[in-house]
Amino acid sequence: MSRPDESLNKEQLKVLTVVCLAAFLFFNSYGSISVALPTIQSQLGISLAALQWISFIGLVMVSSLSLSFGKAGDLIGRNRLFRIGVTMYAVGSGLAAFAGSYSQLLTFRIVMTIGLAMAFPMAA
């Protein structure tokens, strides 16, 4: 009995690469922020309670919006929503890197995690 050819064509490999890179970036955002929290606290001069929201807001946004964006992807197109989500994530991440205040950082983290909540269900 012969095995069917299971190799990926160029288009499938391209899609797999984009989805894997996006998943790596998304999961990296949770791990990398925890390393930076002590520096963020000292630079921005914020309390421990306020500092916790920087990490916690990501979990809240992704948990509450992923299901809704999954349904939206079914209605308006997964590819389109994935691209919008990755773009929002990239913009939010870039802006968060240059945030000068706690409110700016929290706002940009919200934008970033909305993008994550939008793109992550589309990659599954």
PDB file of N, CA and C in Angstrom:
ATOM      1  N   MET A   1       0.837  -1.171   0.000  1.00  0.00           N
ATOM      2  CA  MET A   1       0.000   0.000   0.000  1.00  0.00           C
ATOM      3  C   MET A   1       0.886   1.240   0.000  1.00  0.00           C
ATOM      4  N   SER A   2       0.552   2.193  -0.805  1.00  0.00           N
ATOM      5  CA  SER A   2       1.347   3.423  -0.857  1.00  0.00           C
ATOM      6  C   SER A   2       0.705   4.502   0.009  1.00  0.00           C
ATOM      7  N   ARG A   3       1.556   5.344   0.569  1.00  0.00           N
ATOM      8  CA  ARG A   3       1.069   6.459   1.389  1.00  0.00           C
ATOM      9  C   ARG A   3       0.828   7.662   0.499  1.00  0.00           C
ATOM     10  N   PRO A   4      -0.238   8.378   0.762  1.00  0.00           N
ATOM     11  CA  PRO A   4      -0.464   9.601  -0.011  1.00  0.00           C
ATOM     12  C   PRO A   4       0.596  10.644   0.349  1.00  0.00           C
ATOM     13  N   ASP A   5       0.857  11.528  -0.573  1.00  0.00           N
ATOM     14  CA  ASP A   5       1.839  12.589  -0.355  1.00  0.00           C
ATOM     15  C   ASP A   5       1.295  13.558   0.695  1.00  0.00           C
ATOM     16  N   GLU A   6       1.982  13.647   1.833  1.00  0.00           N
ATOM     17  CA  GLU A   6       1.521  14.483   2.937  1.00  0.00           C
ATOM     18  C   GLU A   6       2.339  15.763   3.078  1.00  0.00           C
ATOM     19  N   SER A   7       3.151  16.080   2.109  1.00  0.00           N
ATOM     20  CA  SER A   7       3.965  17.292   2.219  1.00  0.00           C
ATOM     21  C   SER A   7       3.098  18.527   2.001  1.00  0.00           C
ATOM     22  N   LEU A   8       3.542  19.616   2.586  1.00  0.00           N
ATOM     23  CA  LEU A   8       2.802  20.872   2.485  1.00  0.00           C
ATOM     24  C   LEU A   8       3.188  21.609   1.209  1.00  0.00           C
ATOM     25  N   ASN A   9       2.188  22.207   0.577  1.00  0.00           N
ATOM     26  CA  ASN A   9       2.514  23.055  -0.561  1.00  0.00           C
ATOM     27  C   ASN A   9       2.918  24.433  -0.041  1.00  0.00           C
ATOM     28  N   LYS A  10       3.340  25.314  -0.923  1.00  0.00           N
ATOM     29  CA  LYS A  10       3.859  26.625  -0.507  1.00  0.00           C
ATOM     30  C   LYS A  10       2.812  27.455   0.227  1.00  0.00           C
ATOM     31  N   GLU A  11       1.582  27.416  -0.228  1.00  0.00           N
ATOM     32  CA  GLU A  11       0.523  28.204   0.407  1.00  0.00           C
ATOM     33  C   GLU A  11       0.240  27.694   1.819  1.00  0.00           C
ATOM     34  N   GLN A  12       0.172  26.386   1.980  1.00  0.00           N
ATOM     35  CA  GLN A  12      -0.063  25.815   3.307  1.00  0.00           C
ATOM     36  C   GLN A  12       1.092  26.120   4.254  1.00  0.00           C
ATOM     37  N   LEU A  13       2.304  26.063   3.759  1.00  0.00           N
ATOM     38  CA  LEU A  13       3.474  26.371   4.576  1.00  0.00           C
ATOM     39  C   LEU A  13       3.484  27.837   4.999  1.00  0.00           C
ATOM     40  N   LYS A  14       3.071  28.702   4.099  1.00  0.00           N
ATOM     41  CA  LYS A  14       2.992  30.134   4.409  1.00  0.00           C
ATOM     42  C   LYS A  14       1.964  30.388   5.509  1.00  0.00           C
ATOM     43  N   VAL A  15       0.798  29.786   5.392  1.00  0.00           N
ATOM     44  CA  VAL A  15      -0.254  29.953   6.399  1.00  0.00           C
ATOM     45  C   VAL A  15       0.211  29.398   7.738  1.00  0.00           C
ATOM     46  N   LEU A  16       0.809  28.228   7.734  1.00  0.00           N
ATOM     47  CA  LEU A  16       1.298  27.618   8.967  1.00  0.00           C
ATOM     48  C   LEU A  16       2.355  28.494   9.636  1.00  0.00           C
ATOM     49  N   THR A  17       3.244  29.067   8.857  1.00  0.00           N
ATOM     50  CA  THR A  17       4.288  29.939   9.399  1.00  0.00           C
ATOM     51  C   THR A  17       3.690  31.180  10.049  1.00  0.00           C
ATOM     52  N   VAL A  18       2.748  31.820   9.373  1.00  0.00           N
ATOM     53  CA  VAL A  18       2.119  33.033   9.918  1.00  0.00           C
ATOM     54  C   VAL A  18       1.371  32.722  11.207  1.00  0.00           C
ATOM     55  N   VAL A  19       0.618  31.645  11.220  1.00  0.00           N
ATOM     56  CA  VAL A  19      -0.154  31.286  12.412  1.00  0.00           C
ATOM     57  C   VAL A  19       0.776  30.931  13.575  1.00  0.00           C
ATOM     58  N   CYS A  20       1.841  30.201  13.305  1.00  0.00           N
ATOM     59  CA  CYS A  20       2.786  29.837  14.374  1.00  0.00           C
ATOM     60  C   CYS A  20       3.506  31.061  14.926  1.00  0.00           C
ATOM     61  N   LEU A  21       3.920  31.972  14.062  1.00  0.00           N
ATOM     62  CA  LEU A  21       4.573  33.198  14.530  1.00  0.00           C
ATOM     63  C   LEU A  21       3.623  34.049  15.358  1.00  0.00           C
ATOM     64  N   ALA A  22       2.393  34.158  14.914  1.00  0.00           N
ATOM     65  CA  ALA A  22       1.407  34.933  15.672  1.00  0.00           C
ATOM     66  C   ALA A  22       1.158  34.298  17.038  1.00  0.00           C
ATOM     67  N   ALA A  23       1.018  32.986  17.080  1.00  0.00           N
ATOM     68  CA  ALA A  23       0.802  32.302  18.362  1.00  0.00           C
ATOM     69  C   ALA A  23       1.995  32.500  19.287  1.00  0.00           C
ATOM     70  N   PHE A  24       3.206  32.447  18.742  1.00  0.00           N
ATOM     71  CA  PHE A  24       4.402  32.686  19.554  1.00  0.00           C
ATOM     72  C   PHE A  24       4.391  34.090  20.136  1.00  0.00           C
ATOM     73  N   LEU A  25       4.071  35.072  19.318  1.00  0.00           N
ATOM     74  CA  LEU A  25       4.037  36.452  19.804  1.00  0.00           C
ATOM     75  C   LEU A  25       2.970  36.636  20.870  1.00  0.00           C
ATOM     76  N   PHE A  26       1.819  36.046  20.669  1.00  0.00           N
ATOM     77  CA  PHE A  26       0.725  36.198  21.619  1.00  0.00           C
ATOM     78  C   PHE A  26       1.094  35.592  22.978  1.00  0.00           C
ATOM     79  N   PHE A  27       1.609  34.377  22.972  1.00  0.00           N
ATOM     80  CA  PHE A  27       1.972  33.739  24.240  1.00  0.00           C
ATOM     81  C   PHE A  27       3.169  34.428  24.881  1.00  0.00           C
ATOM     82  N   ASN A  28       4.049  34.954  24.065  1.00  0.00           N
ATOM     83  CA  ASN A  28       5.206  35.679  24.578  1.00  0.00           C
ATOM     84  C   ASN A  28       4.784  36.943  25.317  1.00  0.00           C
ATOM     85  N   SER A  29       3.701  37.559  24.916  1.00  0.00           N
ATOM     86  CA  SER A  29       3.265  38.797  25.563  1.00  0.00           C
ATOM     87  C   SER A  29       2.888  38.569  27.020  1.00  0.00           C
ATOM     88  N   TYR A  30       2.366  37.394  27.340  1.00  0.00           N
ATOM     89  CA  TYR A  30       2.023  37.108  28.734  1.00  0.00           C
ATOM     90  C   TYR A  30       3.275  36.871  29.571  1.00  0.00           C
ATOM     91  N   GLY A  31       4.225  36.145  29.037  1.00  0.00           N
ATOM     92  CA  GLY A  31       5.438  35.851  29.795  1.00  0.00           C
ATOM     93  C   GLY A  31       6.369  37.034  29.935  1.00  0.00           C
ATOM     94  N   SER A  32       6.490  37.810  28.890  1.00  0.00           N
ATOM     95  CA  SER A  32       7.456  38.907  28.916  1.00  0.00           C
ATOM     96  C   SER A  32       7.027  40.052  29.818  1.00  0.00           C
ATOM     97  N   ILE A  33       5.747  40.278  29.966  1.00  0.00           N
ATOM     98  CA  ILE A  33       5.300  41.397  30.800  1.00  0.00           C
ATOM     99  C   ILE A  33       5.608  41.129  32.267  1.00  0.00           C
ATOM    100  N   SER A  34       5.544  39.884  32.695  1.00  0.00           N
ATOM    101  CA  SER A  34       5.809  39.584  34.106  1.00  0.00           C
ATOM    102  C   SER A  34       7.261  39.862  34.480  1.00  0.00           C
ATOM    103  N   VAL A  35       8.170  39.689  33.554  1.00  0.00           N
ATOM    104  CA  VAL A  35       9.576  39.988  33.805  1.00  0.00           C
ATOM    105  C   VAL A  35       9.788  41.490  33.966  1.00  0.00           C
ATOM    106  N   ALA A  36       9.022  42.274  33.253  1.00  0.00           N
ATOM    107  CA  ALA A  36       9.200  43.726  33.262  1.00  0.00           C
ATOM    108  C   ALA A  36       8.431  44.444  34.365  1.00  0.00           C
ATOM    109  N   LEU A  37       7.566  43.755  35.084  1.00  0.00           N
ATOM    110  CA  LEU A  37       6.712  44.418  36.072  1.00  0.00           C
ATOM    111  C   LEU A  37       7.473  45.200  37.147  1.00  0.00           C
ATOM    112  N   PRO A  38       8.547  44.675  37.737  1.00  0.00           N
ATOM    113  CA  PRO A  38       9.269  45.486  38.733  1.00  0.00           C
ATOM    114  C   PRO A  38       9.831  46.788  38.151  1.00  0.00           C
ATOM    115  N   THR A  39      10.332  46.730  36.947  1.00  0.00           N
ATOM    116  CA  THR A  39      10.855  47.933  36.297  1.00  0.00           C
ATOM    117  C   THR A  39       9.733  48.909  35.990  1.00  0.00           C
ATOM    118  N   ILE A  40       8.615  48.396  35.517  1.00  0.00           N
ATOM    119  CA  ILE A  40       7.460  49.251  35.226  1.00  0.00           C
ATOM    120  C   ILE A  40       6.992  49.947  36.495  1.00  0.00           C
ATOM    121  N   GLN A  41       6.938  49.205  37.595  1.00  0.00           N
ATOM    122  CA  GLN A  41       6.492  49.788  38.859  1.00  0.00           C
ATOM    123  C   GLN A  41       7.416  50.913  39.311  1.00  0.00           C
ATOM    124  N   SER A  42       8.712  50.703  39.203  1.00  0.00           N
ATOM    125  CA  SER A  42       9.637  51.753  39.648  1.00  0.00           C
ATOM    126  C   SER A  42       9.655  52.939  38.686  1.00  0.00           C
ATOM    127  N   GLN A  43       9.560  52.696  37.397  1.00  0.00           N
ATOM    128  CA  GLN A  43       9.593  53.783  36.412  1.00  0.00           C
ATOM    129  C   GLN A  43       8.341  54.648  36.468  1.00  0.00           C
ATOM    130  N   LEU A  44       7.195  54.014  36.630  1.00  0.00           N
ATOM    131  CA  LEU A  44       5.938  54.760  36.629  1.00  0.00           C
ATOM    132  C   LEU A  44       5.487  55.160  38.029  1.00  0.00           C
ATOM    133  N   GLY A  45       6.130  54.610  39.054  1.00  0.00           N
ATOM    134  CA  GLY A  45       5.784  54.957  40.426  1.00  0.00           C
ATOM    135  C   GLY A  45       4.365  54.579  40.801  1.00  0.00           C
ATOM    136  N   ILE A  46       3.976  53.354  40.492  1.00  0.00           N
ATOM    137  CA  ILE A  46       2.601  52.917  40.749  1.00  0.00           C
ATOM    138  C   ILE A  46       2.566  51.894  41.879  1.00  0.00           C
ATOM    139  N   SER A  47       1.386  51.719  42.452  1.00  0.00           N
ATOM    140  CA  SER A  47       1.203  50.767  43.551  1.00  0.00           C
ATOM    141  C   SER A  47       1.157  49.337  43.016  1.00  0.00           C
ATOM    142  N   LEU A  48       1.279  48.403  43.931  1.00  0.00           N
ATOM    143  CA  LEU A  48       1.200  46.995  43.560  1.00  0.00           C
ATOM    144  C   LEU A  48      -0.178  46.641  43.003  1.00  0.00           C
ATOM    145  N   ALA A  49      -1.218  47.235  43.573  1.00  0.00           N
ATOM    146  CA  ALA A  49      -2.583  46.982  43.083  1.00  0.00           C
ATOM    147  C   ALA A  49      -2.740  47.451  41.638  1.00  0.00           C
ATOM    148  N   ALA A  50      -2.206  48.612  41.329  1.00  0.00           N
ATOM    149  CA  ALA A  50      -2.276  49.119  39.952  1.00  0.00           C
ATOM    150  C   ALA A  50      -1.415  48.272  39.025  1.00  0.00           C
ATOM    151  N   LEU A  51      -0.283  47.828  39.522  1.00  0.00           N
ATOM    152  CA  LEU A  51       0.630  47.012  38.723  1.00  0.00           C
ATOM    153  C   LEU A  51      -0.022  45.697  38.301  1.00  0.00           C
ATOM    154  N   GLN A  52      -0.807  45.116  39.180  1.00  0.00           N
ATOM    155  CA  GLN A  52      -1.457  43.849  38.866  1.00  0.00           C
ATOM    156  C   GLN A  52      -2.417  43.970  37.687  1.00  0.00           C
ATOM    157  N   TRP A  53      -3.010  45.124  37.521  1.00  0.00           N
ATOM    158  CA  TRP A  53      -3.952  45.308  36.414  1.00  0.00           C
ATOM    159  C   TRP A  53      -3.263  45.242  35.056  1.00  0.00           C
ATOM    160  N   ILE A  54      -1.988  45.564  35.001  1.00  0.00           N
ATOM    161  CA  ILE A  54      -1.269  45.509  33.726  1.00  0.00           C
ATOM    162  C   ILE A  54      -1.262  44.080  33.193  1.00  0.00           C
ATOM    163  N   SER A  55      -1.052  43.119  34.053  1.00  0.00           N
ATOM    164  CA  SER A  55      -1.103  41.714  33.634  1.00  0.00           C
ATOM    165  C   SER A  55      -2.531  41.202  33.544  1.00  0.00           C
ATOM    166  N   PHE A  56      -3.327  41.539  34.532  1.00  0.00           N
ATOM    167  CA  PHE A  56      -4.675  40.993  34.651  1.00  0.00           C
ATOM    168  C   PHE A  56      -5.593  41.447  33.519  1.00  0.00           C
ATOM    169  N   ILE A  57      -5.396  42.658  33.014  1.00  0.00           N
ATOM    170  CA  ILE A  57      -6.289  43.178  31.971  1.00  0.00           C
ATOM    171  C   ILE A  57      -6.236  42.303  30.717  1.00  0.00           C
ATOM    172  N   GLY A  58      -5.073  41.725  30.441  1.00  0.00           N
ATOM    173  CA  GLY A  58      -4.957  40.838  29.291  1.00  0.00           C
ATOM    174  C   GLY A  58      -5.823  39.607  29.426  1.00  0.00           C
ATOM    175  N   LEU A  59      -5.798  39.000  30.592  1.00  0.00           N
ATOM    176  CA  LEU A  59      -6.625  37.814  30.824  1.00  0.00           C
ATOM    177  C   LEU A  59      -8.107  38.141  30.768  1.00  0.00           C
ATOM    178  N   VAL A  60      -8.476  39.270  31.331  1.00  0.00           N
ATOM    179  CA  VAL A  60      -9.886  39.676  31.329  1.00  0.00           C
ATOM    180  C   VAL A  60     -10.376  39.891  29.898  1.00  0.00           C
ATOM    181  N   MET A  61      -9.613  40.632  29.116  1.00  0.00           N
ATOM    182  CA  MET A  61     -10.040  40.955  27.752  1.00  0.00           C
ATOM    183  C   MET A  61     -10.100  39.709  26.868  1.00  0.00           C
ATOM    184  N   VAL A  62      -9.065  38.893  26.916  1.00  0.00           N
ATOM    185  CA  VAL A  62      -9.045  37.699  26.070  1.00  0.00           C
ATOM    186  C   VAL A  62     -10.149  36.730  26.478  1.00  0.00           C
ATOM    187  N   SER A  63     -10.322  36.531  27.774  1.00  0.00           N
ATOM    188  CA  SER A  63     -11.356  35.604  28.250  1.00  0.00           C
ATOM    189  C   SER A  63     -12.759  36.066  27.885  1.00  0.00           C
ATOM    190  N   SER A  64     -12.990  37.353  27.956  1.00  0.00           N
ATOM    191  CA  SER A  64     -14.346  37.850  27.714  1.00  0.00           C
ATOM    192  C   SER A  64     -14.666  38.056  26.237  1.00  0.00           C
ATOM    193  N   LEU A  65     -13.661  38.224  25.396  1.00  0.00           N
ATOM    194  CA  LEU A  65     -13.933  38.563  23.997  1.00  0.00           C
ATOM    195  C   LEU A  65     -13.659  37.451  22.990  1.00  0.00           C
ATOM    196  N   SER A  66     -12.896  36.439  23.347  1.00  0.00           N
ATOM    197  CA  SER A  66     -12.512  35.411  22.371  1.00  0.00           C
ATOM    198  C   SER A  66     -13.709  34.714  21.739  1.00  0.00           C
ATOM    199  N   LEU A  67     -14.679  34.354  22.540  1.00  0.00           N
ATOM    200  CA  LEU A  67     -15.853  33.662  22.009  1.00  0.00           C
ATOM    201  C   LEU A  67     -16.627  34.549  21.035  1.00  0.00           C
ATOM    202  N   SER A  68     -16.789  35.816  21.379  1.00  0.00           N
ATOM    203  CA  SER A  68     -17.506  36.751  20.502  1.00  0.00           C
ATOM    204  C   SER A  68     -16.769  36.956  19.185  1.00  0.00           C
ATOM    205  N   PHE A  69     -15.447  37.095  19.265  1.00  0.00           N
ATOM    206  CA  PHE A  69     -14.679  37.276  18.036  1.00  0.00           C
ATOM    207  C   PHE A  69     -14.631  35.995  17.212  1.00  0.00           C
ATOM    208  N   GLY A  70     -14.709  34.837  17.860  1.00  0.00           N
ATOM    209  CA  GLY A  70     -14.800  33.584  17.113  1.00  0.00           C
ATOM    210  C   GLY A  70     -16.056  33.547  16.257  1.00  0.00           C
ATOM    211  N   LYS A  71     -17.176  33.958  16.832  1.00  0.00           N
ATOM    212  CA  LYS A  71     -18.435  34.021  16.079  1.00  0.00           C
ATOM    213  C   LYS A  71     -18.354  35.087  14.992  1.00  0.00           C
ATOM    214  N   ALA A  72     -17.745  36.229  15.314  1.00  0.00           N
ATOM    215  CA  ALA A  72     -17.591  37.296  14.315  1.00  0.00           C
ATOM    216  C   ALA A  72     -16.745  36.813  13.137  1.00  0.00           C
ATOM    217  N   GLY A  73     -15.742  35.999  13.418  1.00  0.00           N
ATOM    218  CA  GLY A  73     -14.926  35.435  12.338  1.00  0.00           C
ATOM    219  C   GLY A  73     -15.731  34.553  11.409  1.00  0.00           C
ATOM    220  N   ASP A  74     -16.682  33.813  11.973  1.00  0.00           N
ATOM    221  CA  ASP A  74     -17.565  32.991  11.145  1.00  0.00           C
ATOM    222  C   ASP A  74     -18.449  33.857  10.255  1.00  0.00           C
ATOM    223  N   LEU A  75     -18.832  35.018  10.756  1.00  0.00           N
ATOM    224  CA  LEU A  75     -19.757  35.878  10.018  1.00  0.00           C
ATOM    225  C   LEU A  75     -19.065  36.765   8.986  1.00  0.00           C
ATOM    226  N   ILE A  76     -17.933  37.363   9.340  1.00  0.00           N
ATOM    227  CA  ILE A  76     -17.308  38.331   8.421  1.00  0.00           C
ATOM    228  C   ILE A  76     -16.018  37.847   7.787  1.00  0.00           C
ATOM    229  N   GLY A  77     -15.557  36.681   8.188  1.00  0.00           N
ATOM    230  CA  GLY A  77     -14.368  36.112   7.566  1.00  0.00           C
ATOM    231  C   GLY A  77     -13.206  35.996   8.539  1.00  0.00           C
ATOM    232  N   ARG A  78     -12.688  34.797   8.653  1.00  0.00           N
ATOM    233  CA  ARG A  78     -11.602  34.545   9.600  1.00  0.00           C
ATOM    234  C   ARG A  78     -10.304  35.221   9.189  1.00  0.00           C
ATOM    235  N   ASN A  79      -9.988  35.175   7.923  1.00  0.00           N
ATOM    236  CA  ASN A  79      -8.736  35.772   7.453  1.00  0.00           C
ATOM    237  C   ASN A  79      -8.719  37.275   7.718  1.00  0.00           C
ATOM    238  N   ARG A  80      -9.817  37.912   7.422  1.00  0.00           N
ATOM    239  CA  ARG A  80      -9.919  39.361   7.627  1.00  0.00           C
ATOM    240  C   ARG A  80      -9.780  39.722   9.104  1.00  0.00           C
ATOM    241  N   LEU A  81     -10.487  38.994   9.956  1.00  0.00           N
ATOM    242  CA  LEU A  81     -10.439  39.266  11.392  1.00  0.00           C
ATOM    243  C   LEU A  81      -9.059  38.943  11.967  1.00  0.00           C
ATOM    244  N   PHE A  82      -8.420  37.903  11.462  1.00  0.00           N
ATOM    245  CA  PHE A  82      -7.066  37.563  11.907  1.00  0.00           C
ATOM    246  C   PHE A  82      -6.098  38.698  11.587  1.00  0.00           C
ATOM    247  N   ARG A  83      -6.184  39.223  10.385  1.00  0.00           N
ATOM    248  CA  ARG A  83      -5.295  40.329   9.993  1.00  0.00           C
ATOM    249  C   ARG A  83      -5.540  41.580  10.827  1.00  0.00           C
ATOM    250  N   ILE A  84      -6.799  41.889  11.065  1.00  0.00           N
ATOM    251  CA  ILE A  84      -7.126  43.055  11.895  1.00  0.00           C
ATOM    252  C   ILE A  84      -6.595  42.846  13.311  1.00  0.00           C
ATOM    253  N   GLY A  85      -6.782  41.658  13.849  1.00  0.00           N
ATOM    254  CA  GLY A  85      -6.320  41.353  15.199  1.00  0.00           C
ATOM    255  C   GLY A  85      -4.815  41.436  15.341  1.00  0.00           C
ATOM    256  N   VAL A  86      -4.092  40.872  14.387  1.00  0.00           N
ATOM    257  CA  VAL A  86      -2.626  40.933  14.435  1.00  0.00           C
ATOM    258  C   VAL A  86      -2.153  42.377  14.316  1.00  0.00           C
ATOM    259  N   THR A  87      -2.811  43.157  13.472  1.00  0.00           N
ATOM    260  CA  THR A  87      -2.452  44.573  13.334  1.00  0.00           C
ATOM    261  C   THR A  87      -2.709  45.328  14.631  1.00  0.00           C
ATOM    262  N   MET A  88      -3.871  45.103  15.239  1.00  0.00           N
ATOM    263  CA  MET A  88      -4.165  45.755  16.524  1.00  0.00           C
ATOM    264  C   MET A  88      -3.159  45.349  17.590  1.00  0.00           C
ATOM    265  N   TYR A  89      -2.811  44.083  17.612  1.00  0.00           N
ATOM    266  CA  TYR A  89      -1.835  43.594  18.579  1.00  0.00           C
ATOM    267  C   TYR A  89      -0.482  44.279  18.369  1.00  0.00           C
ATOM    268  N   ALA A  90      -0.053  44.367  17.129  1.00  0.00           N
ATOM    269  CA  ALA A  90       1.240  44.990  16.832  1.00  0.00           C
ATOM    270  C   ALA A  90       1.246  46.470  17.190  1.00  0.00           C
ATOM    271  N   VAL A  91       0.175  47.173  16.841  1.00  0.00           N
ATOM    272  CA  VAL A  91       0.082  48.603  17.160  1.00  0.00           C
ATOM    273  C   VAL A  91       0.045  48.804  18.671  1.00  0.00           C
ATOM    274  N   GLY A  92      -0.779  48.029  19.363  1.00  0.00           N
ATOM    275  CA  GLY A  92      -0.860  48.140  20.819  1.00  0.00           C
ATOM    276  C   GLY A  92       0.460  47.833  21.495  1.00  0.00           C
ATOM    277  N   SER A  93       1.160  46.814  21.016  1.00  0.00           N
ATOM    278  CA  SER A  93       2.461  46.463  21.586  1.00  0.00           C
ATOM    279  C   SER A  93       3.484  47.562  21.366  1.00  0.00           C
ATOM    280  N   GLY A  94       3.508  48.085  20.149  1.00  0.00           N
ATOM    281  CA  GLY A  94       4.454  49.159  19.848  1.00  0.00           C
ATOM    282  C   GLY A  94       4.205  50.399  20.673  1.00  0.00           C
ATOM    283  N   LEU A  95       2.949  50.765  20.818  1.00  0.00           N
ATOM    284  CA  LEU A  95       2.615  51.943  21.616  1.00  0.00           C
ATOM    285  C   LEU A  95       2.869  51.703  23.101  1.00  0.00           C
ATOM    286  N   ALA A  96       2.593  50.493  23.581  1.00  0.00           N
ATOM    287  CA  ALA A  96       2.834  50.177  24.996  1.00  0.00           C
ATOM    288  C   ALA A  96       4.314  50.277  25.339  1.00  0.00           C
ATOM    289  N   ALA A  97       5.165  49.960  24.391  1.00  0.00           N
ATOM    290  CA  ALA A  97       6.608  50.043  24.636  1.00  0.00           C
ATOM    291  C   ALA A  97       7.054  51.474  24.915  1.00  0.00           C
ATOM    292  N   PHE A  98       6.329  52.447  24.397  1.00  0.00           N
ATOM    293  CA  PHE A  98       6.704  53.851  24.570  1.00  0.00           C
ATOM    294  C   PHE A  98       5.749  54.613  25.486  1.00  0.00           C
ATOM    295  N   ALA A  99       4.922  53.898  26.235  1.00  0.00           N
ATOM    296  CA  ALA A  99       3.961  54.550  27.132  1.00  0.00           C
ATOM    297  C   ALA A  99       4.707  55.317  28.219  1.00  0.00           C
ATOM    298  N   GLY A 100       4.245  56.528  28.472  1.00  0.00           N
ATOM    299  CA  GLY A 100       4.892  57.370  29.466  1.00  0.00           C
ATOM    300  C   GLY A 100       4.153  57.448  30.784  1.00  0.00           C
ATOM    301  N   SER A 101       2.971  56.855  30.849  1.00  0.00           N
ATOM    302  CA  SER A 101       2.196  56.895  32.089  1.00  0.00           C
ATOM    303  C   SER A 101       1.443  55.576  32.245  1.00  0.00           C
ATOM    304  N   TYR A 102       0.948  55.382  33.450  1.00  0.00           N
ATOM    305  CA  TYR A 102       0.191  54.164  33.745  1.00  0.00           C
ATOM    306  C   TYR A 102      -1.066  54.075  32.890  1.00  0.00           C
ATOM    307  N   SER A 103      -1.788  55.174  32.756  1.00  0.00           N
ATOM    308  CA  SER A 103      -3.029  55.141  31.975  1.00  0.00           C
ATOM    309  C   SER A 103      -2.752  54.845  30.506  1.00  0.00           C
ATOM    310  N   GLN A 104      -1.668  55.388  29.967  1.00  0.00           N
ATOM    311  CA  GLN A 104      -1.302  55.075  28.584  1.00  0.00           C
ATOM    312  C   GLN A 104      -0.964  53.591  28.443  1.00  0.00           C
ATOM    313  N   LEU A 105      -0.163  53.085  29.366  1.00  0.00           N
ATOM    314  CA  LEU A 105       0.234  51.679  29.302  1.00  0.00           C
ATOM    315  C   LEU A 105      -0.981  50.761  29.384  1.00  0.00           C
ATOM    316  N   LEU A 106      -1.878  51.053  30.292  1.00  0.00           N
ATOM    317  CA  LEU A 106      -3.076  50.231  30.443  1.00  0.00           C
ATOM    318  C   LEU A 106      -3.954  50.302  29.187  1.00  0.00           C
ATOM    319  N   THR A 107      -4.099  51.491  28.622  1.00  0.00           N
ATOM    320  CA  THR A 107      -4.885  51.659  27.397  1.00  0.00           C
ATOM    321  C   THR A 107      -4.276  50.874  26.244  1.00  0.00           C
ATOM    322  N   PHE A 108      -2.969  50.961  26.078  1.00  0.00           N
ATOM    323  CA  PHE A 108      -2.313  50.250  24.981  1.00  0.00           C
ATOM    324  C   PHE A 108      -2.329  48.740  25.198  1.00  0.00           C
ATOM    325  N   ARG A 109      -2.266  48.305  26.453  1.00  0.00           N
ATOM    326  CA  ARG A 109      -2.398  46.874  26.740  1.00  0.00           C
ATOM    327  C   ARG A 109      -3.811  46.389  26.410  1.00  0.00           C
ATOM    328  N   ILE A 110      -4.800  47.224  26.622  1.00  0.00           N
ATOM    329  CA  ILE A 110      -6.173  46.865  26.259  1.00  0.00           C
ATOM    330  C   ILE A 110      -6.288  46.711  24.746  1.00  0.00           C
ATOM    331  N   VAL A 111      -5.730  47.659  23.992  1.00  0.00           N
ATOM    332  CA  VAL A 111      -5.738  47.562  22.523  1.00  0.00           C
ATOM    333  C   VAL A 111      -5.027  46.287  22.084  1.00  0.00           C
ATOM    334  N   MET A 112      -3.892  46.025  22.692  1.00  0.00           N
ATOM    335  CA  MET A 112      -3.103  44.849  22.358  1.00  0.00           C
ATOM    336  C   MET A 112      -3.888  43.565  22.622  1.00  0.00           C
ATOM    337  N   THR A 113      -4.536  43.480  23.758  1.00  0.00           N
ATOM    338  CA  THR A 113      -5.249  42.246  24.084  1.00  0.00           C
ATOM    339  C   THR A 113      -6.578  42.109  23.349  1.00  0.00           C
ATOM    340  N   ILE A 114      -7.172  43.207  22.924  1.00  0.00           N
ATOM    341  CA  ILE A 114      -8.336  43.094  22.035  1.00  0.00           C
ATOM    342  C   ILE A 114      -7.885  42.483  20.710  1.00  0.00           C
ATOM    343  N   GLY A 115      -6.744  42.924  20.204  1.00  0.00           N
ATOM    344  CA  GLY A 115      -6.186  42.321  18.994  1.00  0.00           C
ATOM    345  C   GLY A 115      -5.895  40.843  19.180  1.00  0.00           C
ATOM    346  N   LEU A 116      -5.357  40.496  20.335  1.00  0.00           N
ATOM    347  CA  LEU A 116      -5.090  39.093  20.650  1.00  0.00           C
ATOM    348  C   LEU A 116      -6.384  38.292  20.691  1.00  0.00           C
ATOM    349  N   ALA A 117      -7.398  38.832  21.355  1.00  0.00           N
ATOM    350  CA  ALA A 117      -8.692  38.144  21.441  1.00  0.00           C
ATOM    351  C   ALA A 117      -9.339  38.006  20.071  1.00  0.00           C
ATOM    352  N   MET A 118      -9.040  38.929  19.170  1.00  0.00           N
ATOM    353  CA  MET A 118      -9.593  38.885  17.822  1.00  0.00           C
ATOM    354  C   MET A 118      -8.859  37.858  16.960  1.00  0.00           C
ATOM    355  N   ALA A 119      -7.554  37.807  17.058  1.00  0.00           N
ATOM    356  CA  ALA A 119      -6.764  36.954  16.169  1.00  0.00           C
ATOM    357  C   ALA A 119      -6.643  35.516  16.656  1.00  0.00           C
ATOM    358  N   PHE A 120      -6.574  35.320  17.947  1.00  0.00           N
ATOM    359  CA  PHE A 120      -6.286  33.986  18.463  1.00  0.00           C
ATOM    360  C   PHE A 120      -7.334  32.939  18.085  1.00  0.00           C
ATOM    361  N   PRO A 121      -8.635  33.215  18.172  1.00  0.00           N
ATOM    362  CA  PRO A 121      -9.606  32.190  17.753  1.00  0.00           C
ATOM    363  C   PRO A 121      -9.543  31.890  16.251  1.00  0.00           C
ATOM    364  N   MET A 122      -9.055  32.832  15.467  1.00  0.00           N
ATOM    365  CA  MET A 122      -8.977  32.628  14.022  1.00  0.00           C
ATOM    366  C   MET A 122      -7.836  31.685  13.661  1.00  0.00           C
ATOM    367  N   ALA A 123      -6.842  31.578  14.548  1.00  0.00           N
ATOM    368  CA  ALA A 123      -5.686  30.729  14.276  1.00  0.00           C
ATOM    369  C   ALA A 123      -5.952  29.267  14.623  1.00  0.00           C
ATOM    370  N   ALA A 124      -7.004  29.023  15.376  1.00  0.00           N
ATOM    371  CA  ALA A 124      -7.285  27.644  15.819  1.00  0.00           C
ATOM    372  C   ALA A 124      -7.938  26.821  14.731  1.00  0.00           C
TER     373      ALA A 124
END
